[in-house]
Every structure is written in C-alpha cells, then in structure tokens.
C-alpha cells in the first residue's frame, strides 16, 4: 500500500473526493493506493493542491528527482 496516497486520502476525505480534486477516476486513485499504477507526472500538482501542500511532489514521485526535486537537495 502506498502510504503517501493513503495519507492524501485521509487528508481529503475519501478516494472519490481525492479523485475529483485531481480530475481522475476513483479507480485511478485505487490503483495508486495499491501500487498498481504510479501517479502520472501531470497529476502530481493537482494532488499536492488537493492536500493543501501537506503532501509534496517529491513524496509522490521520488523516482523522478529531475522533475520533483527534494527541497533539501541541490539541483
């Protein structure tokens, strides 16, 4: 289970509400949660916004440091 997505769902309320906030289907959120699919780079910003920045981009896609660098690391 993806703990970052689990936390995002807890912040927003439900999988359905997170999906609506991100402009994706509830099934997409379920796939993210159960590591069946990764959050597409174009959906990262909406996920950050949906959680009011409590979840940061680098937490969602740590595998893409060039796109979503950790704030504590030099570019």
PDB file of N, CA and C in Angstrom:
ATOM      1  N   UNK A   1       0.844  -1.191   0.000  1.00  0.00           N
ATOM      2  CA  UNK A   1       0.000   0.000   0.000  1.00  0.00           C
ATOM      3  C   UNK A   1       0.884   1.248   0.000  1.00  0.00           C
ATOM      4  N   UNK A   2       0.510   2.205  -0.806  1.00  0.00           N
ATOM      5  CA  UNK A   2       1.257   3.449  -0.922  1.00  0.00           C
ATOM      6  C   UNK A   2       0.846   4.380   0.227  1.00  0.00           C
ATOM      7  N   UNK A   3       1.754   4.573   1.180  1.00  0.00           N
ATOM      8  CA  UNK A   3       1.436   5.370   2.362  1.00  0.00           C
ATOM      9  C   UNK A   3       1.208   6.848   2.039  1.00  0.00           C
ATOM     10  N   UNK A   4       1.881   7.361   1.017  1.00  0.00           N
ATOM     11  CA  UNK A   4       1.687   8.762   0.628  1.00  0.00           C
ATOM     12  C   UNK A   4       0.259   8.969   0.125  1.00  0.00           C
ATOM     13  N   UNK A   5      -0.211   8.063  -0.716  1.00  0.00           N
ATOM     14  CA  UNK A   5      -1.574   8.168  -1.242  1.00  0.00           C
ATOM     15  C   UNK A   5      -2.581   7.925  -0.123  1.00  0.00           C
ATOM     16  N   UNK A   6      -2.284   6.985   0.769  1.00  0.00           N
ATOM     17  CA  UNK A   6      -3.165   6.727   1.912  1.00  0.00           C
ATOM     18  C   UNK A   6      -3.323   7.991   2.754  1.00  0.00           C
ATOM     19  N   UNK A   7      -2.219   8.689   2.979  1.00  0.00           N
ATOM     20  CA  UNK A   7      -2.262   9.942   3.741  1.00  0.00           C
ATOM     21  C   UNK A   7      -3.058  11.005   2.991  1.00  0.00           C
ATOM     22  N   UNK A   8      -2.854  11.090   1.679  1.00  0.00           N
ATOM     23  CA  UNK A   8      -3.593  12.074   0.875  1.00  0.00           C
ATOM     24  C   UNK A   8      -5.091  11.815   0.956  1.00  0.00           C
ATOM     25  N   UNK A   9      -5.487  10.554   0.892  1.00  0.00           N
ATOM     26  CA  UNK A   9      -6.911  10.209   1.006  1.00  0.00           C
ATOM     27  C   UNK A   9      -7.443  10.628   2.374  1.00  0.00           C
ATOM     28  N   UNK A  10      -6.669  10.383   3.419  1.00  0.00           N
ATOM     29  CA  UNK A  10      -7.088  10.755   4.775  1.00  0.00           C
ATOM     30  C   UNK A  10      -7.254  12.273   4.900  1.00  0.00           C
ATOM     31  N   UNK A  11      -6.378  13.025   4.253  1.00  0.00           N
ATOM     32  CA  UNK A  11      -6.457  14.489   4.303  1.00  0.00           C
ATOM     33  C   UNK A  11      -7.699  14.988   3.581  1.00  0.00           C
ATOM     34  N   UNK A  12      -7.947  14.452   2.389  1.00  0.00           N
ATOM     35  CA  UNK A  12      -9.055  14.938   1.556  1.00  0.00           C
ATOM     36  C   UNK A  12     -10.397  14.369   2.011  1.00  0.00           C
ATOM     37  N   UNK A  13     -10.393  13.119   2.463  1.00  0.00           N
ATOM     38  CA  UNK A  13     -11.634  12.521   2.966  1.00  0.00           C
ATOM     39  C   UNK A  13     -11.864  11.114   2.452  1.00  0.00           C
ATOM     40  N   UNK A  14     -12.027  10.989   1.124  1.00  0.00           N
ATOM     41  CA  UNK A  14     -12.290   9.682   0.523  1.00  0.00           C
ATOM     42  C   UNK A  14     -11.525   9.558  -0.787  1.00  0.00           C
ATOM     43  N   UNK A  15     -11.432   8.328  -1.291  1.00  0.00           N
ATOM     44  CA  UNK A  15     -10.816   8.114  -2.602  1.00  0.00           C
ATOM     45  C   UNK A  15     -11.559   8.913  -3.665  1.00  0.00           C
ATOM     46  N   UNK A  16     -12.876   8.904  -3.591  1.00  0.00           N
ATOM     47  CA  UNK A  16     -13.696   9.613  -4.582  1.00  0.00           C
ATOM     48  C   UNK A  16     -13.422  11.111  -4.552  1.00  0.00           C
ATOM     49  N   UNK A  17     -13.324  11.686  -3.356  1.00  0.00           N
ATOM     50  CA  UNK A  17     -13.058  13.121  -3.246  1.00  0.00           C
ATOM     51  C   UNK A  17     -11.658  13.471  -3.761  1.00  0.00           C
ATOM     52  N   UNK A  18     -10.691  12.614  -3.477  1.00  0.00           N
ATOM     53  CA  UNK A  18      -9.349  12.850  -3.991  1.00  0.00           C
ATOM     54  C   UNK A  18      -9.347  12.758  -5.516  1.00  0.00           C
ATOM     55  N   UNK A  19     -10.048  11.781  -6.043  1.00  0.00           N
ATOM     56  CA  UNK A  19     -10.144  11.624  -7.493  1.00  0.00           C
ATOM     57  C   UNK A  19     -10.746  12.872  -8.136  1.00  0.00           C
ATOM     58  N   UNK A  20     -11.832  13.374  -7.563  1.00  0.00           N
ATOM     59  CA  UNK A  20     -12.475  14.572  -8.107  1.00  0.00           C
ATOM     60  C   UNK A  20     -11.532  15.769  -8.058  1.00  0.00           C
ATOM     61  N   UNK A  21     -10.792  15.903  -6.962  1.00  0.00           N
ATOM     62  CA  UNK A  21      -9.867  17.025  -6.809  1.00  0.00           C
ATOM     63  C   UNK A  21      -8.719  16.943  -7.823  1.00  0.00           C
ATOM     64  N   UNK A  22      -8.366  15.726  -8.217  1.00  0.00           N
ATOM     65  CA  UNK A  22      -7.252  15.528  -9.147  1.00  0.00           C
ATOM     66  C   UNK A  22      -7.694  15.387 -10.594  1.00  0.00           C
ATOM     67  N   UNK A  23      -9.002  15.316 -10.823  1.00  0.00           N
ATOM     68  CA  UNK A  23      -9.510  15.176 -12.178  1.00  0.00           C
ATOM     69  C   UNK A  23      -9.288  13.798 -12.771  1.00  0.00           C
ATOM     70  N   UNK A  24      -9.294  12.784 -11.902  1.00  0.00           N
ATOM     71  CA  UNK A  24      -9.126  11.398 -12.355  1.00  0.00           C
ATOM     72  C   UNK A  24     -10.277  10.564 -11.798  1.00  0.00           C
ATOM     73  N   UNK A  25     -10.329   9.308 -12.209  1.00  0.00           N
ATOM     74  CA  UNK A  25     -11.381   8.418 -11.706  1.00  0.00           C
ATOM     75  C   UNK A  25     -11.014   7.881 -10.332  1.00  0.00           C
ATOM     76  N   UNK A  26     -12.028   7.434  -9.603  1.00  0.00           N
ATOM     77  CA  UNK A  26     -11.793   6.806  -8.306  1.00  0.00           C
ATOM     78  C   UNK A  26     -10.959   5.546  -8.499  1.00  0.00           C
ATOM     79  N   UNK A  27     -11.145   4.866  -9.625  1.00  0.00           N
ATOM     80  CA  UNK A  27     -10.359   3.662  -9.919  1.00  0.00           C
ATOM     81  C   UNK A  27      -8.875   3.999 -10.042  1.00  0.00           C
ATOM     82  N   UNK A  28      -8.559   5.160 -10.602  1.00  0.00           N
ATOM     83  CA  UNK A  28      -7.158   5.579 -10.709  1.00  0.00           C
ATOM     84  C   UNK A  28      -6.549   5.759  -9.327  1.00  0.00           C
ATOM     85  N   UNK A  29      -7.290   6.391  -8.419  1.00  0.00           N
ATOM     86  CA  UNK A  29      -6.798   6.584  -7.052  1.00  0.00           C
ATOM     87  C   UNK A  29      -6.592   5.227  -6.376  1.00  0.00           C
ATOM     88  N   UNK A  30      -7.502   4.309  -6.602  1.00  0.00           N
ATOM     89  CA  UNK A  30      -7.359   2.976  -6.014  1.00  0.00           C
ATOM     90  C   UNK A  30      -6.092   2.294  -6.546  1.00  0.00           C
ATOM     91  N   UNK A  31      -5.802   2.461  -7.824  1.00  0.00           N
ATOM     92  CA  UNK A  31      -4.583   1.878  -8.406  1.00  0.00           C
ATOM     93  C   UNK A  31      -3.340   2.505  -7.793  1.00  0.00           C
ATOM     94  N   UNK A  32      -3.369   3.824  -7.571  1.00  0.00           N
ATOM     95  CA  UNK A  32      -2.234   4.486  -6.925  1.00  0.00           C
ATOM     96  C   UNK A  32      -2.051   3.921  -5.515  1.00  0.00           C
ATOM     97  N   UNK A  33      -3.151   3.802  -4.803  1.00  0.00           N
ATOM     98  CA  UNK A  33      -3.115   3.348  -3.412  1.00  0.00           C
ATOM     99  C   UNK A  33      -2.514   1.956  -3.295  1.00  0.00           C
ATOM    100  N   UNK A  34      -2.860   1.086  -4.207  1.00  0.00           N
ATOM    101  CA  UNK A  34      -2.421  -0.310  -4.137  1.00  0.00           C
ATOM    102  C   UNK A  34      -1.210  -0.599  -5.030  1.00  0.00           C
ATOM    103  N   UNK A  35      -0.500   0.478  -5.425  1.00  0.00           N
ATOM    104  CA  UNK A  35       0.720   0.364  -6.225  1.00  0.00           C
ATOM    105  C   UNK A  35       0.524  -0.397  -7.532  1.00  0.00           C
ATOM    106  N   UNK A  36      -0.664  -0.283  -8.109  1.00  0.00           N
ATOM    107  CA  UNK A  36      -0.936  -0.883  -9.421  1.00  0.00           C
ATOM    108  C   UNK A  36      -0.544   0.080 -10.542  1.00  0.00           C
ATOM    109  N   UNK A  37      -0.451   1.363 -10.184  1.00  0.00           N
ATOM    110  CA  UNK A  37      -0.047   2.399 -11.142  1.00  0.00           C
ATOM    111  C   UNK A  37       0.592   3.546 -10.364  1.00  0.00           C
ATOM    112  N   UNK A  38       1.503   4.246 -11.032  1.00  0.00           N
ATOM    113  CA  UNK A  38       2.119   5.422 -10.425  1.00  0.00           C
ATOM    114  C   UNK A  38       1.314   6.653 -10.818  1.00  0.00           C
ATOM    115  N   UNK A  39       1.375   7.657  -9.970  1.00  0.00           N
ATOM    116  CA  UNK A  39       0.726   8.932 -10.281  1.00  0.00           C
ATOM    117  C   UNK A  39       1.453   9.529 -11.480  1.00  0.00           C
ATOM    118  N   UNK A  40       0.701   9.830 -12.523  1.00  0.00           N
ATOM    119  CA  UNK A  40       1.297  10.433 -13.717  1.00  0.00           C
ATOM    120  C   UNK A  40       1.858  11.811 -13.357  1.00  0.00           C
ATOM    121  N   UNK A  41       3.000  12.178 -13.936  1.00  0.00           N
ATOM    122  CA  UNK A  41       3.594  13.482 -13.614  1.00  0.00           C
ATOM    123  C   UNK A  41       2.611  14.644 -13.744  1.00  0.00           C
ATOM    124  N   UNK A  42       1.712  14.588 -14.733  1.00  0.00           N
ATOM    125  CA  UNK A  42       0.762  15.688 -14.910  1.00  0.00           C
ATOM    126  C   UNK A  42      -0.301  15.747 -13.807  1.00  0.00           C
ATOM    127  N   UNK A  43      -0.409  14.688 -12.994  1.00  0.00           N
ATOM    128  CA  UNK A  43      -1.377  14.685 -11.886  1.00  0.00           C
ATOM    129  C   UNK A  43      -0.767  15.048 -10.546  1.00  0.00           C
ATOM    130  N   UNK A  44       0.552  15.158 -10.494  1.00  0.00           N
ATOM    131  CA  UNK A  44       1.225  15.432  -9.224  1.00  0.00           C
ATOM    132  C   UNK A  44       0.804  16.780  -8.637  1.00  0.00           C
ATOM    133  N   UNK A  45       0.785  17.822  -9.455  1.00  0.00           N
ATOM    134  CA  UNK A  45       0.443  19.160  -8.952  1.00  0.00           C
ATOM    135  C   UNK A  45      -0.960  19.211  -8.378  1.00  0.00           C
ATOM    136  N   UNK A  46      -1.915  18.540  -9.028  1.00  0.00           N
ATOM    137  CA  UNK A  46      -3.285  18.564  -8.514  1.00  0.00           C
ATOM    138  C   UNK A  46      -3.392  17.792  -7.199  1.00  0.00           C
ATOM    139  N   UNK A  47      -2.582  16.756  -7.039  1.00  0.00           N
ATOM    140  CA  UNK A  47      -2.581  16.005  -5.784  1.00  0.00           C
ATOM    141  C   UNK A  47      -2.002  16.858  -4.659  1.00  0.00           C
ATOM    142  N   UNK A  48      -0.924  17.575  -4.954  1.00  0.00           N
ATOM    143  CA  UNK A  48      -0.337  18.487  -3.967  1.00  0.00           C
ATOM    144  C   UNK A  48      -1.363  19.547  -3.568  1.00  0.00           C
ATOM    145  N   UNK A  49      -2.035  20.113  -4.556  1.00  0.00           N
ATOM    146  CA  UNK A  49      -3.045  21.152  -4.299  1.00  0.00           C
ATOM    147  C   UNK A  49      -4.214  20.603  -3.484  1.00  0.00           C
ATOM    148  N   UNK A  50      -4.644  19.388  -3.805  1.00  0.00           N
ATOM    149  CA  UNK A  50      -5.777  18.776  -3.092  1.00  0.00           C
ATOM    150  C   UNK A  50      -5.489  18.592  -1.609  1.00  0.00           C
ATOM    151  N   UNK A  51      -4.205  18.408  -1.276  1.00  0.00           N
ATOM    152  CA  UNK A  51      -3.829  18.210   0.128  1.00  0.00           C
ATOM    153  C   UNK A  51      -3.320  19.503   0.768  1.00  0.00           C
ATOM    154  N   UNK A  52      -3.531  20.616   0.110  1.00  0.00           N
ATOM    155  CA  UNK A  52      -3.061  21.922   0.583  1.00  0.00           C
ATOM    156  C   UNK A  52      -1.565  21.921   0.880  1.00  0.00           C
ATOM    157  N   UNK A  53      -0.816  21.172   0.069  1.00  0.00           N
ATOM    158  CA  UNK A  53       0.629  21.141   0.225  1.00  0.00           C
ATOM    159  C   UNK A  53       1.147  20.249   1.339  1.00  0.00           C
ATOM    160  N   UNK A  54       0.239  19.559   2.030  1.00  0.00           N
ATOM    161  CA  UNK A  54       0.676  18.659   3.110  1.00  0.00           C
ATOM    162  C   UNK A  54       1.445  17.474   2.539  1.00  0.00           C
ATOM    163  N   UNK A  55       1.101  17.096   1.318  1.00  0.00           N
ATOM    164  CA  UNK A  55       1.863  16.092   0.573  1.00  0.00           C
ATOM    165  C   UNK A  55       2.631  16.869  -0.494  1.00  0.00           C
ATOM    166  N   UNK A  56       3.940  16.652  -0.570  1.00  0.00           N
ATOM    167  CA  UNK A  56       4.771  17.380  -1.522  1.00  0.00           C
ATOM    168  C   UNK A  56       5.068  16.518  -2.746  1.00  0.00           C
ATOM    169  N   UNK A  57       5.351  17.182  -3.844  1.00  0.00           N
ATOM    170  CA  UNK A  57       5.563  16.495  -5.118  1.00  0.00           C
ATOM    171  C   UNK A  57       6.641  15.422  -5.024  1.00  0.00           C
ATOM    172  N   UNK A  58       7.731  15.722  -4.352  1.00  0.00           N
ATOM    173  CA  UNK A  58       8.835  14.757  -4.275  1.00  0.00           C
ATOM    174  C   UNK A  58       8.442  13.505  -3.490  1.00  0.00           C
ATOM    175  N   UNK A  59       7.423  13.618  -2.621  1.00  0.00           N
ATOM    176  CA  UNK A  59       6.939  12.453  -1.878  1.00  0.00           C
ATOM    177  C   UNK A  59       6.102  11.544  -2.779  1.00  0.00           C
ATOM    178  N   UNK A  60       5.397  12.156  -3.716  1.00  0.00           N
ATOM    179  CA  UNK A  60       4.518  11.402  -4.614  1.00  0.00           C
ATOM    180  C   UNK A  60       5.332  10.624  -5.636  1.00  0.00           C
ATOM    181  N   UNK A  61       6.331  11.263  -6.215  1.00  0.00           N
ATOM    182  CA  UNK A  61       7.153  10.617  -7.251  1.00  0.00           C
ATOM    183  C   UNK A  61       8.641  10.770  -6.915  1.00  0.00           C
ATOM    184  N   UNK A  62       9.110  10.096  -5.866  1.00  0.00           N
ATOM    185  CA  UNK A  62      10.534  10.191  -5.522  1.00  0.00           C
ATOM    186  C   UNK A  62      11.444   9.597  -6.592  1.00  0.00           C
ATOM    187  N   UNK A  63      10.864   8.829  -7.503  1.00  0.00           N
ATOM    188  CA  UNK A  63      11.629   8.218  -8.595  1.00  0.00           C
ATOM    189  C   UNK A  63      11.919   9.200  -9.733  1.00  0.00           C
ATOM    190  N   UNK A  64      11.387  10.418  -9.628  1.00  0.00           N
ATOM    191  CA  UNK A  64      11.605  11.436 -10.665  1.00  0.00           C
ATOM    192  C   UNK A  64      12.240  12.695 -10.058  1.00  0.00           C
ATOM    193  N   UNK A  65      13.456  12.567  -9.521  1.00  0.00           N
ATOM    194  CA  UNK A  65      14.063  13.730  -8.850  1.00  0.00           C
ATOM    195  C   UNK A  65      14.355  14.900  -9.788  1.00  0.00           C
ATOM    196  N   UNK A  66      14.503  14.645 -11.079  1.00  0.00           N
ATOM    197  CA  UNK A  66      14.740  15.748 -12.013  1.00  0.00           C
ATOM    198  C   UNK A  66      13.478  16.612 -12.170  1.00  0.00           C
ATOM    199  N   UNK A  67      12.304  15.982 -12.105  1.00  0.00           N
ATOM    200  CA  UNK A  67      11.046  16.727 -12.207  1.00  0.00           C
ATOM    201  C   UNK A  67      10.578  17.258 -10.869  1.00  0.00           C
ATOM    202  N   UNK A  68      10.777  16.451  -9.824  1.00  0.00           N
ATOM    203  CA  UNK A  68      10.264  16.789  -8.489  1.00  0.00           C
ATOM    204  C   UNK A  68      11.380  16.666  -7.453  1.00  0.00           C
ATOM    205  N   UNK A  69      12.322  17.613  -7.470  1.00  0.00           N
ATOM    206  CA  UNK A  69      13.458  17.513  -6.553  1.00  0.00           C
ATOM    207  C   UNK A  69      13.043  17.694  -5.095  1.00  0.00           C
ATOM    208  N   UNK A  70      13.755  17.008  -4.234  1.00  0.00           N
ATOM    209  CA  UNK A  70      13.531  17.158  -2.787  1.00  0.00           C
ATOM    210  C   UNK A  70      14.018  18.552  -2.424  1.00  0.00           C
ATOM    211  N   UNK A  71      13.241  19.303  -1.642  1.00  0.00           N
ATOM    212  CA  UNK A  71      13.630  20.694  -1.329  1.00  0.00           C
ATOM    213  C   UNK A  71      14.970  20.799  -0.606  1.00  0.00           C
ATOM    214  N   UNK A  72      15.407  19.756   0.086  1.00  0.00           N
ATOM    215  CA  UNK A  72      16.653  19.804   0.818  1.00  0.00           C
ATOM    216  C   UNK A  72      17.879  19.460  -0.009  1.00  0.00           C
ATOM    217  N   UNK A  73      17.676  19.077  -1.264  1.00  0.00           N
ATOM    218  CA  UNK A  73      18.779  18.674  -2.111  1.00  0.00           C
ATOM    219  C   UNK A  73      19.071  19.724  -3.162  1.00  0.00           C
ATOM    220  N   UNK A  74      20.350  19.901  -3.452  1.00  0.00           N
ATOM    221  CA  UNK A  74      20.744  20.844  -4.503  1.00  0.00           C
ATOM    222  C   UNK A  74      20.350  20.291  -5.861  1.00  0.00           C
ATOM    223  N   UNK A  75      20.002  21.181  -6.751  1.00  0.00           N
ATOM    224  CA  UNK A  75      19.569  20.757  -8.094  1.00  0.00           C
ATOM    225  C   UNK A  75      20.730  20.262  -8.916  1.00  0.00           C
TER     226      UNK A  75
END
